[in-house]
Amino acid sequence: MLTLIKSIHTAIWILMTSAIFYIGFCVMMMAFGTLFYVALALVGSEILVILVNHWRCPLTGVARRYSDEESPNFDIFLPRTIAQYNKEIFTVILLVILVMYLVQALR
């Protein structure tokens, strides 16, 4: 069961990472179509879910039922360091995208 949870968690991570980088691409091009808004809604939803769950992914709690392991990547197929600092890494990336947007929009 843990392998299934890790696989689902990893697939969601790939989708959300793709959405974040697509948002960044759209901001660089200043091109905002339907897919941009879908990606923005996905990322916004993920942020809301993480905030409501006290800065944790709810799948971590589900995976915890099947493992006593303490490593940061026990619930996802990611390298330890990326799993450990995932939220911090993507917070910085999103802030950079926001700054890029503001710079472009104020020109």
PDB file of N, CA and C in Angstrom:
ATOM      1  N   MET A   1       0.808  -1.192   0.000  1.00  0.00           N
ATOM      2  CA  MET A   1       0.000   0.000   0.000  1.00  0.00           C
ATOM      3  C   MET A   1       0.856   1.263   0.000  1.00  0.00           C
ATOM      4  N   LEU A   2       1.974   1.218   0.732  1.00  0.00           N
ATOM      5  CA  LEU A   2       2.865   2.380   0.778  1.00  0.00           C
ATOM      6  C   LEU A   2       3.397   2.705  -0.613  1.00  0.00           C
ATOM      7  N   THR A   3       3.710   1.695  -1.402  1.00  0.00           N
ATOM      8  CA  THR A   3       4.203   1.931  -2.770  1.00  0.00           C
ATOM      9  C   THR A   3       3.144   2.634  -3.610  1.00  0.00           C
ATOM     10  N   LEU A   4       1.891   2.273  -3.448  1.00  0.00           N
ATOM     11  CA  LEU A   4       0.805   2.933  -4.174  1.00  0.00           C
ATOM     12  C   LEU A   4       0.698   4.396  -3.746  1.00  0.00           C
ATOM     13  N   ILE A   5       0.748   4.647  -2.466  1.00  0.00           N
ATOM     14  CA  ILE A   5       0.673   6.021  -1.956  1.00  0.00           C
ATOM     15  C   ILE A   5       1.850   6.832  -2.471  1.00  0.00           C
ATOM     16  N   LYS A   6       3.053   6.260  -2.419  1.00  0.00           N
ATOM     17  CA  LYS A   6       4.239   6.965  -2.922  1.00  0.00           C
ATOM     18  C   LYS A   6       4.102   7.259  -4.410  1.00  0.00           C
ATOM     19  N   SER A   7       3.542   6.327  -5.157  1.00  0.00           N
ATOM     20  CA  SER A   7       3.368   6.530  -6.603  1.00  0.00           C
ATOM     21  C   SER A   7       2.367   7.653  -6.886  1.00  0.00           C
ATOM     22  N   ILE A   8       1.253   7.650  -6.168  1.00  0.00           N
ATOM     23  CA  ILE A   8       0.254   8.709  -6.341  1.00  0.00           C
ATOM     24  C   ILE A   8       0.837  10.055  -5.927  1.00  0.00           C
ATOM     25  N   HIS A   9       1.529  10.085  -4.801  1.00  0.00           N
ATOM     26  CA  HIS A   9       2.142  11.315  -4.303  1.00  0.00           C
ATOM     27  C   HIS A   9       3.152  11.852  -5.316  1.00  0.00           C
ATOM     28  N   THR A  10       3.943  10.975  -5.890  1.00  0.00           N
ATOM     29  CA  THR A  10       4.947  11.384  -6.880  1.00  0.00           C
ATOM     30  C   THR A  10       4.276  11.899  -8.149  1.00  0.00           C
ATOM     31  N   ALA A  11       3.208  11.243  -8.597  1.00  0.00           N
ATOM     32  CA  ALA A  11       2.491  11.696  -9.795  1.00  0.00           C
ATOM     33  C   ALA A  11       1.894  13.089  -9.565  1.00  0.00           C
ATOM     34  N   ILE A  12       1.326  13.309  -8.389  1.00  0.00           N
ATOM     35  CA  ILE A  12       0.786  14.640  -8.067  1.00  0.00           C
ATOM     36  C   ILE A  12       1.907  15.663  -8.024  1.00  0.00           C
ATOM     37  N   TRP A  13       3.050  15.293  -7.445  1.00  0.00           N
ATOM     38  CA  TRP A  13       4.206  16.197  -7.384  1.00  0.00           C
ATOM     39  C   TRP A  13       4.652  16.582  -8.796  1.00  0.00           C
ATOM     40  N   ILE A  14       4.713  15.614  -9.697  1.00  0.00           N
ATOM     41  CA  ILE A  14       5.117  15.895 -11.083  1.00  0.00           C
ATOM     42  C   ILE A  14       4.116  16.843 -11.741  1.00  0.00           C
ATOM     43  N   LEU A  15       2.829  16.601 -11.541  1.00  0.00           N
ATOM     44  CA  LEU A  15       1.797  17.473 -12.108  1.00  0.00           C
ATOM     45  C   LEU A  15       1.928  18.895 -11.566  1.00  0.00           C
ATOM     46  N   MET A  16       2.077  19.027 -10.265  1.00  0.00           N
ATOM     47  CA  MET A  16       2.161  20.350  -9.661  1.00  0.00           C
ATOM     48  C   MET A  16       3.453  21.067 -10.041  1.00  0.00           C
ATOM     49  N   THR A  17       4.546  20.343 -10.122  1.00  0.00           N
ATOM     50  CA  THR A  17       5.811  20.934 -10.551  1.00  0.00           C
ATOM     51  C   THR A  17       5.697  21.424 -11.990  1.00  0.00           C
ATOM     52  N   SER A  18       5.072  20.622 -12.833  1.00  0.00           N
ATOM     53  CA  SER A  18       4.861  21.025 -14.232  1.00  0.00           C
ATOM     54  C   SER A  18       3.998  22.281 -14.296  1.00  0.00           C
ATOM     55  N   ALA A  19       2.965  22.341 -13.475  1.00  0.00           N
ATOM     56  CA  ALA A  19       2.084  23.513 -13.450  1.00  0.00           C
ATOM     57  C   ALA A  19       2.849  24.762 -13.025  1.00  0.00           C
ATOM     58  N   ILE A  20       3.695  24.637 -12.017  1.00  0.00           N
ATOM     59  CA  ILE A  20       4.479  25.785 -11.549  1.00  0.00           C
ATOM     60  C   ILE A  20       5.414  26.276 -12.641  1.00  0.00           C
ATOM     61  N   PHE A  21       6.103  25.366 -13.299  1.00  0.00           N
ATOM     62  CA  PHE A  21       7.025  25.796 -14.347  1.00  0.00           C
ATOM     63  C   PHE A  21       6.280  26.319 -15.573  1.00  0.00           C
ATOM     64  N   TYR A  22       5.094  25.800 -15.837  1.00  0.00           N
ATOM     65  CA  TYR A  22       4.284  26.336 -16.932  1.00  0.00           C
ATOM     66  C   TYR A  22       3.838  27.767 -16.609  1.00  0.00           C
ATOM     67  N   ILE A  23       3.461  28.008 -15.366  1.00  0.00           N
ATOM     68  CA  ILE A  23       3.110  29.368 -14.942  1.00  0.00           C
ATOM     69  C   ILE A  23       4.303  30.294 -15.163  1.00  0.00           C
ATOM     70  N   GLY A  24       5.489  29.832 -14.789  1.00  0.00           N
ATOM     71  CA  GLY A  24       6.698  30.632 -14.997  1.00  0.00           C
ATOM     72  C   GLY A  24       6.950  30.922 -16.471  1.00  0.00           C
ATOM     73  N   PHE A  25       6.752  29.924 -17.311  1.00  0.00           N
ATOM     74  CA  PHE A  25       6.915  30.102 -18.761  1.00  0.00           C
ATOM     75  C   PHE A  25       5.923  31.140 -19.278  1.00  0.00           C
ATOM     76  N   CYS A  26       4.666  31.027 -18.867  1.00  0.00           N
ATOM     77  CA  CYS A  26       3.637  31.980 -19.318  1.00  0.00           C
ATOM     78  C   CYS A  26       3.964  33.398 -18.870  1.00  0.00           C
ATOM     79  N   VAL A  27       4.483  33.540 -17.663  1.00  0.00           N
ATOM     80  CA  VAL A  27       4.855  34.862 -17.160  1.00  0.00           C
ATOM     81  C   VAL A  27       6.011  35.420 -17.985  1.00  0.00           C
ATOM     82  N   MET A  28       6.990  34.586 -18.291  1.00  0.00           N
ATOM     83  CA  MET A  28       8.111  35.056 -19.116  1.00  0.00           C
ATOM     84  C   MET A  28       7.632  35.527 -20.485  1.00  0.00           C
ATOM     85  N   MET A  29       6.661  34.831 -21.045  1.00  0.00           N
ATOM     86  CA  MET A  29       6.136  35.177 -22.375  1.00  0.00           C
ATOM     87  C   MET A  29       5.004  36.202 -22.295  1.00  0.00           C
ATOM     88  N   MET A  30       4.513  36.455 -21.079  1.00  0.00           N
ATOM     89  CA  MET A  30       3.350  37.320 -20.860  1.00  0.00           C
ATOM     90  C   MET A  30       2.186  36.872 -21.745  1.00  0.00           C
ATOM     91  N   ALA A  31       1.963  35.559 -21.747  1.00  0.00           N
ATOM     92  CA  ALA A  31       0.885  34.939 -22.522  1.00  0.00           C
ATOM     93  C   ALA A  31       0.030  34.123 -21.552  1.00  0.00           C
ATOM     94  N   PHE A  32      -1.218  34.528 -21.374  1.00  0.00           N
ATOM     95  CA  PHE A  32      -2.057  33.939 -20.345  1.00  0.00           C
ATOM     96  C   PHE A  32      -3.329  33.370 -20.951  1.00  0.00           C
ATOM     97  N   GLY A  33      -3.262  32.119 -21.380  1.00  0.00           N
ATOM     98  CA  GLY A  33      -4.415  31.438 -21.951  1.00  0.00           C
ATOM     99  C   GLY A  33      -5.106  30.574 -20.911  1.00  0.00           C
ATOM    100  N   THR A  34      -6.016  29.768 -21.382  1.00  0.00           N
ATOM    101  CA  THR A  34      -6.817  28.902 -20.510  1.00  0.00           C
ATOM    102  C   THR A  34      -5.943  27.961 -19.693  1.00  0.00           C
ATOM    103  N   LEU A  35      -4.936  27.365 -20.316  1.00  0.00           N
ATOM    104  CA  LEU A  35      -4.069  26.425 -19.608  1.00  0.00           C
ATOM    105  C   LEU A  35      -3.312  27.111 -18.471  1.00  0.00           C
ATOM    106  N   PHE A  36      -2.947  28.364 -18.662  1.00  0.00           N
ATOM    107  CA  PHE A  36      -2.297  29.131 -17.595  1.00  0.00           C
ATOM    108  C   PHE A  36      -3.213  29.207 -16.376  1.00  0.00           C
ATOM    109  N   TYR A  37      -4.480  29.517 -16.617  1.00  0.00           N
ATOM    110  CA  TYR A  37      -5.418  29.656 -15.503  1.00  0.00           C
ATOM    111  C   TYR A  37      -5.733  28.312 -14.843  1.00  0.00           C
ATOM    112  N   VAL A  38      -5.721  27.241 -15.617  1.00  0.00           N
ATOM    113  CA  VAL A  38      -5.884  25.901 -15.043  1.00  0.00           C
ATOM    114  C   VAL A  38      -4.689  25.592 -14.133  1.00  0.00           C
ATOM    115  N   ALA A  39      -3.488  25.877 -14.616  1.00  0.00           N
ATOM    116  CA  ALA A  39      -2.281  25.644 -13.814  1.00  0.00           C
ATOM    117  C   ALA A  39      -2.301  26.496 -12.556  1.00  0.00           C
ATOM    118  N   LEU A  40      -2.728  27.748 -12.705  1.00  0.00           N
ATOM    119  CA  LEU A  40      -2.811  28.649 -11.556  1.00  0.00           C
ATOM    120  C   LEU A  40      -3.822  28.133 -10.528  1.00  0.00           C
ATOM    121  N   ALA A  41      -4.954  27.619 -11.000  1.00  0.00           N
ATOM    122  CA  ALA A  41      -5.965  27.057 -10.095  1.00  0.00           C
ATOM    123  C   ALA A  41      -5.430  25.817  -9.378  1.00  0.00           C
ATOM    124  N   LEU A  42      -4.699  24.969 -10.092  1.00  0.00           N
ATOM    125  CA  LEU A  42      -4.111  23.776  -9.472  1.00  0.00           C
ATOM    126  C   LEU A  42      -3.129  24.164  -8.368  1.00  0.00           C
ATOM    127  N   VAL A  43      -2.239  25.092  -8.687  1.00  0.00           N
ATOM    128  CA  VAL A  43      -1.228  25.504  -7.713  1.00  0.00           C
ATOM    129  C   VAL A  43      -1.895  26.217  -6.536  1.00  0.00           C
ATOM    130  N   GLY A  44      -2.863  27.059  -6.815  1.00  0.00           N
ATOM    131  CA  GLY A  44      -3.588  27.735  -5.735  1.00  0.00           C
ATOM    132  C   GLY A  44      -4.296  26.743  -4.828  1.00  0.00           C
ATOM    133  N   SER A  45      -4.896  25.723  -5.422  1.00  0.00           N
ATOM    134  CA  SER A  45      -5.570  24.673  -4.635  1.00  0.00           C
ATOM    135  C   SER A  45      -4.574  23.916  -3.773  1.00  0.00           C
ATOM    136  N   GLU A  46      -3.430  23.605  -4.349  1.00  0.00           N
ATOM    137  CA  GLU A  46      -2.405  22.889  -3.578  1.00  0.00           C
ATOM    138  C   GLU A  46      -1.923  23.728  -2.402  1.00  0.00           C
ATOM    139  N   ILE A  47      -1.702  25.004  -2.638  1.00  0.00           N
ATOM    140  CA  ILE A  47      -1.265  25.892  -1.557  1.00  0.00           C
ATOM    141  C   ILE A  47      -2.305  25.916  -0.447  1.00  0.00           C
ATOM    142  N   LEU A  48      -3.558  26.028  -0.821  1.00  0.00           N
ATOM    143  CA  LEU A  48      -4.639  26.052   0.163  1.00  0.00           C
ATOM    144  C   LEU A  48      -4.689  24.754   0.972  1.00  0.00           C
ATOM    145  N   VAL A  49      -4.578  23.612   0.290  1.00  0.00           N
ATOM    146  CA  VAL A  49      -4.596  22.311   0.978  1.00  0.00           C
ATOM    147  C   VAL A  49      -3.438  22.206   1.962  1.00  0.00           C
ATOM    148  N   ILE A  50      -2.258  22.632   1.541  1.00  0.00           N
ATOM    149  CA  ILE A  50      -1.080  22.557   2.420  1.00  0.00           C
ATOM    150  C   ILE A  50      -1.240  23.499   3.621  1.00  0.00           C
ATOM    151  N   LEU A  51      -1.756  24.698   3.383  1.00  0.00           N
ATOM    152  CA  LEU A  51      -1.957  25.629   4.496  1.00  0.00           C
ATOM    153  C   LEU A  51      -2.992  25.108   5.489  1.00  0.00           C
ATOM    154  N   VAL A  52      -4.087  24.568   4.987  1.00  0.00           N
ATOM    155  CA  VAL A  52      -5.143  24.034   5.860  1.00  0.00           C
ATOM    156  C   VAL A  52      -4.629  22.849   6.675  1.00  0.00           C
ATOM    157  N   ASN A  53      -3.685  22.100   6.109  1.00  0.00           N
ATOM    158  CA  ASN A  53      -3.126  20.923   6.792  1.00  0.00           C
ATOM    159  C   ASN A  53      -1.835  21.241   7.542  1.00  0.00           C
ATOM    160  N   HIS A  54      -1.700  22.476   7.992  1.00  0.00           N
ATOM    161  CA  HIS A  54      -0.568  22.879   8.835  1.00  0.00           C
ATOM    162  C   HIS A  54       0.778  22.666   8.156  1.00  0.00           C
ATOM    163  N   TRP A  55       0.861  23.093   6.887  1.00  0.00           N
ATOM    164  CA  TRP A  55       2.112  23.082   6.122  1.00  0.00           C
ATOM    165  C   TRP A  55       2.587  21.652   5.824  1.00  0.00           C
ATOM    166  N   ARG A  56       1.637  20.724   5.708  1.00  0.00           N
ATOM    167  CA  ARG A  56       1.955  19.328   5.381  1.00  0.00           C
ATOM    168  C   ARG A  56       1.012  18.840   4.297  1.00  0.00           C
ATOM    169  N   CYS A  57       1.509  17.956   3.477  1.00  0.00           N
ATOM    170  CA  CYS A  57       0.663  17.316   2.477  1.00  0.00           C
ATOM    171  C   CYS A  57      -0.195  16.254   3.178  1.00  0.00           C
ATOM    172  N   PRO A  58      -1.494  16.197   2.883  1.00  0.00           N
ATOM    173  CA  PRO A  58      -2.332  15.193   3.543  1.00  0.00           C
ATOM    174  C   PRO A  58      -1.926  13.755   3.216  1.00  0.00           C
ATOM    175  N   LEU A  59      -1.286  13.533   2.075  1.00  0.00           N
ATOM    176  CA  LEU A  59      -0.842  12.174   1.744  1.00  0.00           C
ATOM    177  C   LEU A  59       0.250  11.689   2.691  1.00  0.00           C
ATOM    178  N   THR A  60       0.977  12.606   3.299  1.00  0.00           N
ATOM    179  CA  THR A  60       1.990  12.218   4.278  1.00  0.00           C
ATOM    180  C   THR A  60       1.322  11.529   5.469  1.00  0.00           C
ATOM    181  N   GLY A  61       0.201  12.076   5.904  1.00  0.00           N
ATOM    182  CA  GLY A  61      -0.542  11.453   7.011  1.00  0.00           C
ATOM    183  C   GLY A  61      -1.083  10.085   6.652  1.00  0.00           C
ATOM    184  N   VAL A  62      -1.553   9.944   5.417  1.00  0.00           N
ATOM    185  CA  VAL A  62      -2.057   8.649   4.953  1.00  0.00           C
ATOM    186  C   VAL A  62      -0.901   7.645   4.911  1.00  0.00           C
ATOM    187  N   ALA A  63       0.234   8.052   4.360  1.00  0.00           N
ATOM    188  CA  ALA A  63       1.397   7.157   4.260  1.00  0.00           C
ATOM    189  C   ALA A  63       1.930   6.780   5.637  1.00  0.00           C
ATOM    190  N   ARG A  64       1.794   7.691   6.596  1.00  0.00           N
ATOM    191  CA  ARG A  64       2.294   7.436   7.959  1.00  0.00           C
ATOM    192  C   ARG A  64       1.624   6.199   8.568  1.00  0.00           C
ATOM    193  N   ARG A  65       0.411   5.897   8.158  1.00  0.00           N
ATOM    194  CA  ARG A  65      -0.297   4.710   8.674  1.00  0.00           C
ATOM    195  C   ARG A  65       0.380   3.410   8.260  1.00  0.00           C
ATOM    196  N   TYR A  66       1.193   3.479   7.217  1.00  0.00           N
ATOM    197  CA  TYR A  66       1.815   2.273   6.661  1.00  0.00           C
ATOM    198  C   TYR A  66       3.321   2.222   6.865  1.00  0.00           C
ATOM    199  N   SER A  67       3.873   3.193   7.578  1.00  0.00           N
ATOM    200  CA  SER A  67       5.317   3.209   7.782  1.00  0.00           C
ATOM    201  C   SER A  67       5.672   3.975   9.050  1.00  0.00           C
ATOM    202  N   ASP A  68       6.705   3.503   9.729  1.00  0.00           N
ATOM    203  CA  ASP A  68       7.251   4.211  10.889  1.00  0.00           C
ATOM    204  C   ASP A  68       8.535   4.934  10.515  1.00  0.00           C
ATOM    205  N   GLU A  69       8.903   4.880   9.239  1.00  0.00           N
ATOM    206  CA  GLU A  69      10.145   5.502   8.773  1.00  0.00           C
ATOM    207  C   GLU A  69      10.085   7.010   8.991  1.00  0.00           C
ATOM    208  N   GLU A  70      11.216   7.590   9.336  1.00  0.00           N
ATOM    209  CA  GLU A  70      11.287   9.021   9.650  1.00  0.00           C
ATOM    210  C   GLU A  70      11.927   9.864   8.552  1.00  0.00           C
ATOM    211  N   SER A  71      12.412   9.265   7.487  1.00  0.00           N
ATOM    212  CA  SER A  71      13.086  10.052   6.452  1.00  0.00           C
ATOM    213  C   SER A  71      12.077  10.949   5.733  1.00  0.00           C
ATOM    214  N   PRO A  72      12.525  12.107   5.252  1.00  0.00           N
ATOM    215  CA  PRO A  72      11.613  13.051   4.604  1.00  0.00           C
ATOM    216  C   PRO A  72      10.973  12.513   3.323  1.00  0.00           C
ATOM    217  N   ASN A  73      11.581  11.512   2.719  1.00  0.00           N
ATOM    218  CA  ASN A  73      11.050  10.974   1.464  1.00  0.00           C
ATOM    219  C   ASN A  73      10.406   9.595   1.637  1.00  0.00           C
ATOM    220  N   PHE A  74       9.956   9.270   2.855  1.00  0.00           N
ATOM    221  CA  PHE A  74       9.345   7.959   3.071  1.00  0.00           C
ATOM    222  C   PHE A  74       8.031   7.812   2.301  1.00  0.00           C
ATOM    223  N   ASP A  75       7.405   8.942   1.925  1.00  0.00           N
ATOM    224  CA  ASP A  75       6.077   8.912   1.322  1.00  0.00           C
ATOM    225  C   ASP A  75       6.046   9.343  -0.148  1.00  0.00           C
ATOM    226  N   ILE A  76       7.220   9.507  -0.747  1.00  0.00           N
ATOM    227  CA  ILE A  76       7.292   9.987  -2.127  1.00  0.00           C
ATOM    228  C   ILE A  76       8.595   9.509  -2.756  1.00  0.00           C
ATOM    229  N   PHE A  77       8.558   9.276  -4.061  1.00  0.00           N
ATOM    230  CA  PHE A  77       9.764   8.845  -4.775  1.00  0.00           C
ATOM    231  C   PHE A  77      10.553  10.067  -5.238  1.00  0.00           C
ATOM    232  N   LEU A  78      11.201  10.733  -4.298  1.00  0.00           N
ATOM    233  CA  LEU A  78      12.061  11.878  -4.563  1.00  0.00           C
ATOM    234  C   LEU A  78      13.337  11.709  -3.763  1.00  0.00           C
ATOM    235  N   PRO A  79      14.426  12.321  -4.215  1.00  0.00           N
ATOM    236  CA  PRO A  79      15.633  12.314  -3.383  1.00  0.00           C
ATOM    237  C   PRO A  79      15.343  12.980  -2.030  1.00  0.00           C
ATOM    238  N   ARG A  80      16.030  12.523  -1.023  1.00  0.00           N
ATOM    239  CA  ARG A  80      15.811  12.984   0.348  1.00  0.00           C
ATOM    240  C   ARG A  80      15.823  14.512   0.472  1.00  0.00           C
ATOM    241  N   THR A  81      16.818  15.169  -0.096  1.00  0.00           N
ATOM    242  CA  THR A  81      16.953  16.618   0.046  1.00  0.00           C
ATOM    243  C   THR A  81      15.794  17.359  -0.594  1.00  0.00           C
ATOM    244  N   ILE A  82      15.382  16.923  -1.780  1.00  0.00           N
ATOM    245  CA  ILE A  82      14.251  17.580  -2.443  1.00  0.00           C
ATOM    246  C   ILE A  82      12.975  17.367  -1.632  1.00  0.00           C
ATOM    247  N   ALA A  83      12.762  16.168  -1.147  1.00  0.00           N
ATOM    248  CA  ALA A  83      11.570  15.902  -0.330  1.00  0.00           C
ATOM    249  C   ALA A  83      11.585  16.727   0.953  1.00  0.00           C
ATOM    250  N   GLN A  84      12.750  16.874   1.546  1.00  0.00           N
ATOM    251  CA  GLN A  84      12.866  17.600   2.811  1.00  0.00           C
ATOM    252  C   GLN A  84      12.574  19.090   2.643  1.00  0.00           C
ATOM    253  N   TYR A  85      13.050  19.679   1.557  1.00  0.00           N
ATOM    254  CA  TYR A  85      12.924  21.123   1.360  1.00  0.00           C
ATOM    255  C   TYR A  85      11.972  21.489   0.228  1.00  0.00           C
ATOM    256  N   ASN A  86      11.117  20.579  -0.155  1.00  0.00           N
ATOM    257  CA  ASN A  86      10.221  20.760  -1.285  1.00  0.00           C
ATOM    258  C   ASN A  86       9.394  22.049  -1.198  1.00  0.00           C
ATOM    259  N   LYS A  87       8.725  22.263  -0.108  1.00  0.00           N
ATOM    260  CA  LYS A  87       7.869  23.445   0.033  1.00  0.00           C
ATOM    261  C   LYS A  87       8.694  24.726  -0.004  1.00  0.00           C
ATOM    262  N   GLU A  88       9.848  24.720   0.607  1.00  0.00           N
ATOM    263  CA  GLU A  88      10.702  25.901   0.606  1.00  0.00           C
ATOM    264  C   GLU A  88      11.226  26.196  -0.806  1.00  0.00           C
ATOM    265  N   ILE A  89      11.636  25.146  -1.513  1.00  0.00           N
ATOM    266  CA  ILE A  89      12.150  25.308  -2.878  1.00  0.00           C
ATOM    267  C   ILE A  89      11.082  25.929  -3.775  1.00  0.00           C
ATOM    268  N   PHE A  90       9.876  25.376  -3.722  1.00  0.00           N
ATOM    269  CA  PHE A  90       8.831  25.863  -4.617  1.00  0.00           C
ATOM    270  C   PHE A  90       8.239  27.188  -4.165  1.00  0.00           C
ATOM    271  N   THR A  91       8.328  27.515  -2.890  1.00  0.00           N
ATOM    272  CA  THR A  91       7.933  28.842  -2.434  1.00  0.00           C
ATOM    273  C   THR A  91       8.846  29.887  -3.058  1.00  0.00           C
ATOM    274  N   VAL A  92      10.145  29.628  -3.049  1.00  0.00           N
ATOM    275  CA  VAL A  92      11.104  30.551  -3.659  1.00  0.00           C
ATOM    276  C   VAL A  92      10.855  30.666  -5.165  1.00  0.00           C
ATOM    277  N   ILE A  93      10.632  29.542  -5.829  1.00  0.00           N
ATOM    278  CA  ILE A  93      10.365  29.570  -7.268  1.00  0.00           C
ATOM    279  C   ILE A  93       9.116  30.396  -7.562  1.00  0.00           C
ATOM    280  N   LEU A  94       8.052  30.207  -6.799  1.00  0.00           N
ATOM    281  CA  LEU A  94       6.828  30.981  -7.006  1.00  0.00           C
ATOM    282  C   LEU A  94       7.045  32.465  -6.731  1.00  0.00           C
ATOM    283  N   LEU A  95       7.842  32.791  -5.741  1.00  0.00           N
ATOM    284  CA  LEU A  95       8.151  34.199  -5.478  1.00  0.00           C
ATOM    285  C   LEU A  95       8.947  34.816  -6.624  1.00  0.00           C
ATOM    286  N   VAL A  96       9.890  34.065  -7.186  1.00  0.00           N
ATOM    287  CA  VAL A  96      10.646  34.547  -8.348  1.00  0.00           C
ATOM    288  C   VAL A  96       9.709  34.780  -9.524  1.00  0.00           C
ATOM    289  N   ILE A  97       8.767  33.875  -9.742  1.00  0.00           N
ATOM    290  CA  ILE A  97       7.788  34.042 -10.827  1.00  0.00           C
ATOM    291  C   ILE A  97       6.944  35.292 -10.584  1.00  0.00           C
ATOM    292  N   LEU A  98       6.525  35.514  -9.348  1.00  0.00           N
ATOM    293  CA  LEU A  98       5.744  36.704  -9.025  1.00  0.00           C
ATOM    294  C   LEU A  98       6.545  37.975  -9.293  1.00  0.00           C
ATOM    295  N   VAL A  99       7.797  37.998  -8.895  1.00  0.00           N
ATOM    296  CA  VAL A  99       8.659  39.165  -9.154  1.00  0.00           C
ATOM    297  C   VAL A  99       8.826  39.358 -10.657  1.00  0.00           C
ATOM    298  N   MET A 100       9.026  38.270 -11.397  1.00  0.00           N
ATOM    299  CA  MET A 100       9.142  38.371 -12.861  1.00  0.00           C
ATOM    300  C   MET A 100       7.877  38.997 -13.450  1.00  0.00           C
ATOM    301  N   TYR A 101       6.731  38.570 -12.958  1.00  0.00           N
ATOM    302  CA  TYR A 101       5.471  39.117 -13.456  1.00  0.00           C
ATOM    303  C   TYR A 101       5.382  40.613 -13.160  1.00  0.00           C
ATOM    304  N   LEU A 102       5.699  40.987 -11.931  1.00  0.00           N
ATOM    305  CA  LEU A 102       5.627  42.400 -11.556  1.00  0.00           C
ATOM    306  C   LEU A 102       6.576  43.259 -12.389  1.00  0.00           C
ATOM    307  N   VAL A 103       7.771  42.784 -12.625  1.00  0.00           N
ATOM    308  CA  VAL A 103       8.736  43.516 -13.446  1.00  0.00           C
ATOM    309  C   VAL A 103       8.204  43.685 -14.866  1.00  0.00           C
ATOM    310  N   GLN A 104       7.687  42.601 -15.434  1.00  0.00           N
ATOM    311  CA  GLN A 104       7.154  42.652 -16.808  1.00  0.00           C
ATOM    312  C   GLN A 104       5.920  43.540 -16.882  1.00  0.00           C
ATOM    313  N   ALA A 105       5.031  43.435 -15.910  1.00  0.00           N
ATOM    314  CA  ALA A 105       3.771  44.187 -15.931  1.00  0.00           C
ATOM    315  C   ALA A 105       3.985  45.678 -15.730  1.00  0.00           C
ATOM    316  N   LEU A 106       5.022  46.045 -15.000  1.00  0.00           N
ATOM    317  CA  LEU A 106       5.272  47.459 -14.718  1.00  0.00           C
ATOM    318  C   LEU A 106       6.117  48.156 -15.788  1.00  0.00           C
ATOM    319  N   ARG A 107       6.469  47.446 -16.832  1.00  0.00           N
ATOM    320  CA  ARG A 107       7.255  48.051 -17.927  1.00  0.00           C
ATOM    321  C   ARG A 107       6.387  48.909 -18.773  1.00  0.00           C
TER     322      ARG A 107
END
